[in-house]
C-alpha atoms as a PDB file:
ATOM      1  CA  UNK A   1     -47.052   4.919 -26.835  1.00  0.00           C
ATOM      2  CA  UNK A   2     -44.617   2.140 -27.704  1.00  0.00           C
ATOM      3  CA  UNK A   3     -42.378   4.638 -29.456  1.00  0.00           C
ATOM      4  CA  UNK A   4     -42.169   6.786 -26.313  1.00  0.00           C
ATOM      5  CA  UNK A   5     -41.298   3.742 -24.214  1.00  0.00           C
ATOM      6  CA  UNK A   6     -38.446   2.867 -26.564  1.00  0.00           C
ATOM      7  CA  UNK A   7     -37.094   6.412 -26.376  1.00  0.00           C
ATOM      8  CA  UNK A   8     -37.144   6.243 -22.578  1.00  0.00           C
ATOM      9  CA  UNK A   9     -35.325   2.903 -22.621  1.00  0.00           C
ATOM     10  CA  UNK A  10     -32.705   4.251 -25.040  1.00  0.00           C
ATOM     11  CA  UNK A  11     -32.182   7.309 -22.851  1.00  0.00           C
ATOM     12  CA  UNK A  12     -31.787   5.197 -19.750  1.00  0.00           C
ATOM     13  CA  UNK A  13     -29.275   2.952 -21.519  1.00  0.00           C
ATOM     14  CA  UNK A  14     -27.343   6.011 -22.692  1.00  0.00           C
ATOM     15  CA  UNK A  15     -27.382   7.440 -19.172  1.00  0.00           C
ATOM     16  CA  UNK A  16     -26.212   4.115 -17.779  1.00  0.00           C
ATOM     17  CA  UNK A  17     -23.349   3.941 -20.312  1.00  0.00           C
ATOM     18  CA  UNK A  18     -22.402   7.533 -19.527  1.00  0.00           C
ATOM     19  CA  UNK A  19     -22.360   6.782 -15.804  1.00  0.00           C
ATOM     20  CA  UNK A  20     -20.188   3.701 -16.389  1.00  0.00           C
ATOM     21  CA  UNK A  21     -17.783   5.755 -18.502  1.00  0.00           C
ATOM     22  CA  UNK A  22     -17.548   8.392 -15.752  1.00  0.00           C
ATOM     23  CA  UNK A  23     -16.899   5.717 -13.109  1.00  0.00           C
ATOM     24  CA  UNK A  24     -14.180   4.172 -15.296  1.00  0.00           C
ATOM     25  CA  UNK A  25     -12.589   7.588 -15.801  1.00  0.00           C
ATOM     26  CA  UNK A  26     -12.656   8.231 -12.047  1.00  0.00           C
ATOM     27  CA  UNK A  27     -11.100   4.822 -11.356  1.00  0.00           C
ATOM     28  CA  UNK A  28      -8.286   5.513 -13.839  1.00  0.00           C
ATOM     29  CA  UNK A  29      -7.597   8.915 -12.296  1.00  0.00           C
ATOM     30  CA  UNK A  30      -7.459   7.369  -8.828  1.00  0.00           C
ATOM     31  CA  UNK A  31      -5.025   4.691 -10.022  1.00  0.00           C
ATOM     32  CA  UNK A  32      -2.733   7.318 -11.492  1.00  0.00           C
ATOM     33  CA  UNK A  33      -3.100   9.746  -8.621  1.00  0.00           C
ATOM     34  CA  UNK A  34      -0.518  11.003  -6.194  1.00  0.00           C
ATOM     35  CA  UNK A  35      -1.686   8.552  -3.513  1.00  0.00           C
ATOM     36  CA  UNK A  36      -0.685   5.604  -5.683  1.00  0.00           C
ATOM     37  CA  UNK A  37       2.983   6.556  -5.263  1.00  0.00           C
ATOM     38  CA  UNK A  38       2.831   5.725  -1.560  1.00  0.00           C
ATOM     39  CA  UNK A  39       1.527   2.202  -2.159  1.00  0.00           C
ATOM     40  CA  UNK A  40       3.989   1.317  -4.923  1.00  0.00           C
ATOM     41  CA  UNK A  41       6.502  -1.437  -4.147  1.00  0.00           C
ATOM     42  CA  UNK A  42       9.669   0.685  -4.137  1.00  0.00           C
ATOM     43  CA  UNK A  43       8.428   4.205  -4.842  1.00  0.00           C
ATOM     44  CA  UNK A  44       6.524   4.126  -1.556  1.00  0.00           C
ATOM     45  CA  UNK A  45       9.571   3.729   0.704  1.00  0.00           C
ATOM     46  CA  UNK A  46      11.592   6.132  -1.443  1.00  0.00           C
ATOM     47  CA  UNK A  47       9.034   8.923  -1.238  1.00  0.00           C
ATOM     48  CA  UNK A  48       7.987   8.328   2.382  1.00  0.00           C
ATOM     49  CA  UNK A  49      11.633   8.161   3.497  1.00  0.00           C
ATOM     50  CA  UNK A  50      12.376  11.384   1.664  1.00  0.00           C
ATOM     51  CA  UNK A  51       9.420  13.167   3.289  1.00  0.00           C
ATOM     52  CA  UNK A  52      10.382  11.910   6.767  1.00  0.00           C
ATOM     53  CA  UNK A  53      14.037  12.892   6.276  1.00  0.00           C
ATOM     54  CA  UNK A  54      13.064  16.379   5.099  1.00  0.00           C
ATOM     55  CA  UNK A  55      10.740  16.745   8.085  1.00  0.00           C
ATOM     56  CA  UNK A  56      13.641  15.773  10.337  1.00  0.00           C
ATOM     57  CA  UNK A  57      15.843  18.349   8.639  1.00  0.00           C
ATOM     58  CA  UNK A  58      13.143  20.982   8.963  1.00  0.00           C
ATOM     59  CA  UNK A  59      12.786  20.420  12.712  1.00  0.00           C
ATOM     60  CA  UNK A  60      16.511  19.626  13.177  1.00  0.00           C
ATOM     61  CA  UNK A  61      15.787  16.262  14.752  1.00  0.00           C
ATOM     62  CA  UNK A  62      18.602  13.789  14.057  1.00  0.00           C
ATOM     63  CA  UNK A  63      16.714  10.559  14.922  1.00  0.00           C
ATOM     64  CA  UNK A  64      13.930  11.491  12.479  1.00  0.00           C
ATOM     65  CA  UNK A  65      16.531  12.203   9.790  1.00  0.00           C
ATOM     66  CA  UNK A  66      18.105   8.782  10.396  1.00  0.00           C
ATOM     67  CA  UNK A  67      14.728   7.037  10.276  1.00  0.00           C
ATOM     68  CA  UNK A  68      13.826   8.787   7.022  1.00  0.00           C
ATOM     69  CA  UNK A  69      17.218   7.970   5.533  1.00  0.00           C
ATOM     70  CA  UNK A  70      16.824   4.316   6.524  1.00  0.00           C
ATOM     71  CA  UNK A  71      13.380   4.083   4.930  1.00  0.00           C
ATOM     72  CA  UNK A  72      14.730   5.790   1.815  1.00  0.00           C
ATOM     73  CA  UNK A  73      17.683   3.372   1.615  1.00  0.00           C
ATOM     74  CA  UNK A  74      15.261   0.452   1.963  1.00  0.00           C
ATOM     75  CA  UNK A  75      13.421   1.838  -1.066  1.00  0.00           C
ATOM     76  CA  UNK A  76      16.695   1.887  -3.025  1.00  0.00           C
ATOM     77  CA  UNK A  77      17.288  -1.727  -1.977  1.00  0.00           C
ATOM     78  CA  UNK A  78      13.846  -2.744  -3.272  1.00  0.00           C
ATOM     79  CA  UNK A  79      14.453  -0.862  -6.513  1.00  0.00           C
ATOM     80  CA  UNK A  80      17.791  -2.617  -7.121  1.00  0.00           C
ATOM     81  CA  UNK A  81      16.214  -5.951  -6.168  1.00  0.00           C
ATOM     82  CA  UNK A  82      13.465  -5.284  -8.750  1.00  0.00           C
ATOM     83  CA  UNK A  83      16.013  -4.578 -11.487  1.00  0.00           C
ATOM     84  CA  UNK A  84      17.981  -7.793 -11.023  1.00  0.00           C
END
């Protein structure tokens, strides 16, 4: 009976370690995911500005193009500021 209890405890520990490894893997994938680009210090404005500018070009809306270009240029400013 004691031997069976130990096997159950070992299995539960192995299951717990496996679950922790899966959670760690999921966390790493989320950190490296596409969404992380939009929260990055200078990649966020660069990518968001580019998307907004392309949307403005798609719908031929000049103010949207200017807004997207401004956001994109702000991203370039942050990138240059980060380098120096």
